[in-house]
Amino acid sequence: MNKGKVILGVLAGIAAGTTLGILLAPDKGSYTRHKISKKGNDYVDGLSEKFNDFIESVNNRFEKIKDDAIHMAKHGNAKAEEAQSKMANAANREPLPLN
């Protein structure tokens, strides 16, 4: 099962359980609405923080991949120049006998 679906299911279950618990509590309506609103804001803040952490993680991975690609490109250019130099040197030499 997908990890994201499990987390989403758990969060939905927690939210539903909390909401039902608040609604069935013997408090005044205004106080109950205030508690529901506060819990909703807490969940939004928590999800927002997790989303920001996720975005930061993706950005860090992207930067690492980009840095690796730049390194590989520079290393590849050096290897290509080395191979080109070897070929040029080989072309300037006399051919080996084919006994």
N, C-alpha and C. Protein backbone atom coordinates (compact mmCIF):
# COMPACT_ATOMS: atom_id res chain seq x y z
N MET A 1 0.85 -1.17 0.00
CA MET A 1 0.00 0.00 0.00
C MET A 1 0.89 1.24 0.00
N ASN A 2 0.44 2.28 -0.66
CA ASN A 2 1.20 3.52 -0.77
C ASN A 2 1.32 4.20 0.58
N LYS A 3 2.53 4.61 0.94
CA LYS A 3 2.80 5.26 2.22
C LYS A 3 1.96 6.54 2.39
N GLY A 4 1.82 7.30 1.32
CA GLY A 4 1.04 8.54 1.36
C GLY A 4 -0.43 8.29 1.67
N LYS A 5 -0.98 7.20 1.11
CA LYS A 5 -2.38 6.86 1.37
C LYS A 5 -2.59 6.47 2.82
N VAL A 6 -1.62 5.76 3.38
CA VAL A 6 -1.72 5.35 4.79
C VAL A 6 -1.71 6.58 5.69
N ILE A 7 -0.78 7.48 5.44
CA ILE A 7 -0.68 8.70 6.25
C ILE A 7 -1.95 9.52 6.12
N LEU A 8 -2.46 9.67 4.90
CA LEU A 8 -3.69 10.42 4.68
C LEU A 8 -4.86 9.78 5.41
N GLY A 9 -4.94 8.45 5.39
CA GLY A 9 -6.01 7.75 6.10
C GLY A 9 -5.92 7.95 7.60
N VAL A 10 -4.70 7.90 8.13
CA VAL A 10 -4.52 8.11 9.57
C VAL A 10 -4.92 9.52 9.96
N LEU A 11 -4.48 10.51 9.17
CA LEU A 11 -4.85 11.90 9.46
C LEU A 11 -6.36 12.13 9.38
N ALA A 12 -6.99 11.53 8.38
CA ALA A 12 -8.44 11.66 8.25
C ALA A 12 -9.15 11.02 9.44
N GLY A 13 -8.67 9.86 9.89
CA GLY A 13 -9.26 9.20 11.05
C GLY A 13 -9.10 10.02 12.31
N ILE A 14 -7.93 10.60 12.49
CA ILE A 14 -7.70 11.45 13.66
C ILE A 14 -8.62 12.66 13.63
N ALA A 15 -8.73 13.28 12.47
CA ALA A 15 -9.59 14.47 12.34
C ALA A 15 -11.05 14.11 12.61
N ALA A 16 -11.51 13.00 12.04
CA ALA A 16 -12.91 12.60 12.25
C ALA A 16 -13.16 12.26 13.72
N GLY A 17 -12.23 11.54 14.34
CA GLY A 17 -12.40 11.19 15.75
C GLY A 17 -12.40 12.41 16.65
N THR A 18 -11.52 13.33 16.39
CA THR A 18 -11.46 14.56 17.18
C THR A 18 -12.73 15.37 17.02
N THR A 19 -13.19 15.51 15.80
CA THR A 19 -14.41 16.28 15.54
C THR A 19 -15.61 15.64 16.22
N LEU A 20 -15.76 14.32 16.12
CA LEU A 20 -16.87 13.65 16.78
C LEU A 20 -16.78 13.79 18.30
N GLY A 21 -15.57 13.67 18.83
CA GLY A 21 -15.38 13.83 20.27
C GLY A 21 -15.78 15.21 20.75
N ILE A 22 -15.44 16.22 19.98
CA ILE A 22 -15.80 17.59 20.35
C ILE A 22 -17.30 17.81 20.23
N LEU A 23 -17.88 17.30 19.14
CA LEU A 23 -19.32 17.50 18.92
C LEU A 23 -20.16 16.79 19.97
N LEU A 24 -19.70 15.66 20.45
CA LEU A 24 -20.48 14.91 21.43
C LEU A 24 -20.20 15.32 22.88
N ALA A 25 -19.25 16.20 23.06
CA ALA A 25 -18.93 16.69 24.41
C ALA A 25 -20.04 17.62 24.89
N PRO A 26 -20.30 17.62 26.19
CA PRO A 26 -21.40 18.44 26.73
C PRO A 26 -20.98 19.90 26.98
N ASP A 27 -20.49 20.58 25.96
CA ASP A 27 -20.09 21.99 26.09
C ASP A 27 -21.07 22.87 25.33
N LYS A 28 -20.99 24.19 25.59
CA LYS A 28 -21.80 25.15 24.85
C LYS A 28 -21.42 25.12 23.37
N GLY A 29 -22.35 25.46 22.52
CA GLY A 29 -22.11 25.45 21.08
C GLY A 29 -20.98 26.38 20.66
N SER A 30 -20.94 27.58 21.24
CA SER A 30 -19.88 28.53 20.85
C SER A 30 -18.51 28.00 21.25
N TYR A 31 -18.43 27.38 22.41
CA TYR A 31 -17.16 26.82 22.86
C TYR A 31 -16.76 25.64 21.98
N THR A 32 -17.73 24.82 21.61
CA THR A 32 -17.46 23.67 20.73
C THR A 32 -16.97 24.14 19.37
N ARG A 33 -17.62 25.16 18.80
CA ARG A 33 -17.19 25.69 17.51
C ARG A 33 -15.77 26.26 17.60
N HIS A 34 -15.48 26.91 18.72
CA HIS A 34 -14.13 27.46 18.92
C HIS A 34 -13.10 26.32 18.96
N LYS A 35 -13.40 25.24 19.65
CA LYS A 35 -12.48 24.11 19.73
C LYS A 35 -12.28 23.46 18.36
N ILE A 36 -13.37 23.34 17.59
CA ILE A 36 -13.27 22.76 16.25
C ILE A 36 -12.38 23.65 15.38
N SER A 37 -12.59 24.95 15.46
CA SER A 37 -11.80 25.89 14.68
C SER A 37 -10.32 25.82 15.06
N LYS A 38 -10.06 25.76 16.35
CA LYS A 38 -8.67 25.70 16.83
C LYS A 38 -8.00 24.41 16.36
N LYS A 39 -8.70 23.29 16.47
CA LYS A 39 -8.13 22.02 16.01
C LYS A 39 -7.87 22.05 14.51
N GLY A 40 -8.80 22.62 13.76
CA GLY A 40 -8.62 22.74 12.31
C GLY A 40 -7.38 23.56 11.98
N ASN A 41 -7.21 24.66 12.68
CA ASN A 41 -6.03 25.49 12.46
C ASN A 41 -4.74 24.75 12.83
N ASP A 42 -4.81 23.98 13.91
CA ASP A 42 -3.64 23.19 14.31
C ASP A 42 -3.28 22.17 13.22
N TYR A 43 -4.29 21.51 12.65
CA TYR A 43 -4.03 20.53 11.59
C TYR A 43 -3.47 21.22 10.35
N VAL A 44 -4.02 22.37 10.00
CA VAL A 44 -3.53 23.10 8.83
C VAL A 44 -2.07 23.51 9.05
N ASP A 45 -1.75 24.00 10.24
CA ASP A 45 -0.37 24.38 10.54
C ASP A 45 0.56 23.18 10.45
N GLY A 46 0.13 22.05 10.99
CA GLY A 46 0.94 20.84 10.94
C GLY A 46 1.17 20.36 9.52
N LEU A 47 0.10 20.35 8.72
CA LEU A 47 0.23 19.92 7.32
C LEU A 47 1.09 20.90 6.54
N SER A 48 0.94 22.17 6.82
CA SER A 48 1.74 23.18 6.14
C SER A 48 3.22 22.98 6.45
N GLU A 49 3.53 22.70 7.70
CA GLU A 49 4.92 22.46 8.10
C GLU A 49 5.47 21.23 7.41
N LYS A 50 4.69 20.15 7.36
CA LYS A 50 5.14 18.92 6.70
C LYS A 50 5.34 19.16 5.20
N PHE A 51 4.44 19.93 4.59
CA PHE A 51 4.55 20.23 3.16
C PHE A 51 5.83 21.04 2.91
N ASN A 52 6.10 22.04 3.75
CA ASN A 52 7.32 22.84 3.59
C ASN A 52 8.57 21.98 3.75
N ASP A 53 8.54 21.05 4.70
CA ASP A 53 9.67 20.13 4.88
C ASP A 53 9.87 19.26 3.63
N PHE A 54 8.76 18.82 3.06
CA PHE A 54 8.80 18.00 1.85
C PHE A 54 9.41 18.80 0.69
N ILE A 55 8.95 20.03 0.52
CA ILE A 55 9.46 20.89 -0.56
C ILE A 55 10.95 21.14 -0.37
N GLU A 56 11.36 21.39 0.86
CA GLU A 56 12.78 21.62 1.15
C GLU A 56 13.60 20.38 0.81
N SER A 57 13.08 19.21 1.14
CA SER A 57 13.76 17.96 0.84
C SER A 57 13.91 17.77 -0.67
N VAL A 58 12.84 18.06 -1.42
CA VAL A 58 12.89 17.95 -2.87
C VAL A 58 13.92 18.93 -3.44
N ASN A 59 13.93 20.16 -2.92
CA ASN A 59 14.90 21.15 -3.39
C ASN A 59 16.33 20.71 -3.11
N ASN A 60 16.56 20.15 -1.92
CA ASN A 60 17.91 19.67 -1.58
C ASN A 60 18.35 18.55 -2.51
N ARG A 61 17.45 17.63 -2.80
CA ARG A 61 17.78 16.53 -3.72
C ARG A 61 18.06 17.06 -5.12
N PHE A 62 17.26 18.02 -5.56
CA PHE A 62 17.45 18.62 -6.88
C PHE A 62 18.82 19.29 -6.96
N GLU A 63 19.19 20.04 -5.93
CA GLU A 63 20.48 20.73 -5.92
C GLU A 63 21.63 19.71 -5.96
N LYS A 64 21.50 18.61 -5.23
CA LYS A 64 22.54 17.58 -5.23
C LYS A 64 22.67 16.96 -6.62
N ILE A 65 21.54 16.65 -7.24
CA ILE A 65 21.57 16.07 -8.58
C ILE A 65 22.19 17.05 -9.57
N LYS A 66 21.83 18.33 -9.44
CA LYS A 66 22.39 19.35 -10.33
C LYS A 66 23.90 19.46 -10.14
N ASP A 67 24.35 19.49 -8.88
CA ASP A 67 25.78 19.56 -8.62
C ASP A 67 26.51 18.33 -9.16
N ASP A 68 25.92 17.16 -8.99
CA ASP A 68 26.52 15.93 -9.53
C ASP A 68 26.61 15.98 -11.05
N ALA A 69 25.57 16.50 -11.69
CA ALA A 69 25.56 16.59 -13.16
C ALA A 69 26.64 17.56 -13.64
N ILE A 70 26.81 18.68 -12.95
CA ILE A 70 27.84 19.65 -13.32
C ILE A 70 29.22 19.01 -13.17
N HIS A 71 29.42 18.30 -12.06
CA HIS A 71 30.70 17.63 -11.83
C HIS A 71 30.97 16.59 -12.93
N MET A 72 29.95 15.81 -13.25
CA MET A 72 30.12 14.78 -14.28
C MET A 72 30.40 15.41 -15.63
N ALA A 73 29.74 16.54 -15.94
CA ALA A 73 29.97 17.21 -17.22
C ALA A 73 31.41 17.72 -17.30
N LYS A 74 31.91 18.32 -16.22
CA LYS A 74 33.29 18.81 -16.23
C LYS A 74 34.26 17.66 -16.36
N HIS A 75 34.01 16.59 -15.62
CA HIS A 75 34.88 15.41 -15.68
C HIS A 75 34.82 14.79 -17.07
N GLY A 76 33.65 14.75 -17.66
CA GLY A 76 33.48 14.20 -19.00
C GLY A 76 34.22 15.02 -20.03
N ASN A 77 34.19 16.35 -19.90
CA ASN A 77 34.92 17.21 -20.84
C ASN A 77 36.42 16.93 -20.76
N ALA A 78 36.93 16.77 -19.56
CA ALA A 78 38.35 16.48 -19.39
C ALA A 78 38.70 15.14 -20.05
N LYS A 79 37.87 14.14 -19.86
CA LYS A 79 38.10 12.82 -20.46
C LYS A 79 38.05 12.91 -21.99
N ALA A 80 37.09 13.68 -22.52
CA ALA A 80 36.96 13.83 -23.97
C ALA A 80 38.20 14.53 -24.55
N GLU A 81 38.68 15.56 -23.85
CA GLU A 81 39.88 16.25 -24.33
C GLU A 81 41.09 15.33 -24.29
N GLU A 82 41.19 14.50 -23.26
CA GLU A 82 42.28 13.55 -23.14
C GLU A 82 42.24 12.54 -24.29
N ALA A 83 41.05 12.02 -24.58
CA ALA A 83 40.90 11.05 -25.68
C ALA A 83 41.23 11.71 -27.01
N GLN A 84 40.80 12.94 -27.20
CA GLN A 84 41.07 13.66 -28.44
C GLN A 84 42.58 13.87 -28.61
N SER A 85 43.24 14.22 -27.52
CA SER A 85 44.69 14.41 -27.57
C SER A 85 45.40 13.11 -27.92
N LYS A 86 44.96 12.01 -27.32
CA LYS A 86 45.56 10.71 -27.62
C LYS A 86 45.37 10.34 -29.08
N MET A 87 44.19 10.62 -29.61
CA MET A 87 43.91 10.31 -31.02
C MET A 87 44.78 11.17 -31.93
N ALA A 88 44.95 12.43 -31.59
CA ALA A 88 45.78 13.31 -32.41
C ALA A 88 47.22 12.85 -32.39
N ASN A 89 47.71 12.45 -31.20
CA ASN A 89 49.07 11.95 -31.10
C ASN A 89 49.24 10.65 -31.90
N ALA A 90 48.27 9.80 -31.82
CA ALA A 90 48.32 8.53 -32.55
C ALA A 90 48.28 8.78 -34.05
N ALA A 91 47.57 9.76 -34.52
CA ALA A 91 47.47 10.05 -35.94
C ALA A 91 48.78 10.60 -36.47
N ASN A 92 49.56 11.24 -35.64
CA ASN A 92 50.84 11.82 -36.06
C ASN A 92 51.97 10.81 -36.06
N ARG A 93 51.78 9.64 -35.50
CA ARG A 93 52.81 8.59 -35.46
C ARG A 93 52.73 7.73 -36.72
N GLU A 94 53.80 7.01 -36.94
CA GLU A 94 53.79 6.06 -38.05
C GLU A 94 53.00 4.83 -37.65
N PRO A 95 52.29 4.24 -38.58
CA PRO A 95 51.52 3.05 -38.26
C PRO A 95 52.45 1.88 -37.88
N LEU A 96 51.92 1.03 -36.99
CA LEU A 96 52.66 -0.16 -36.58
C LEU A 96 52.59 -1.20 -37.68
N PRO A 97 53.66 -2.02 -37.85
CA PRO A 97 53.60 -3.07 -38.87
C PRO A 97 52.58 -4.14 -38.49
N LEU A 98 51.98 -4.73 -39.50
CA LEU A 98 50.91 -5.72 -39.30
C LEU A 98 51.43 -7.14 -39.47
N ASN A 99 52.52 -7.55 -39.11
CA ASN A 99 53.10 -8.88 -39.29
C ASN A 99 52.08 -9.93 -39.25
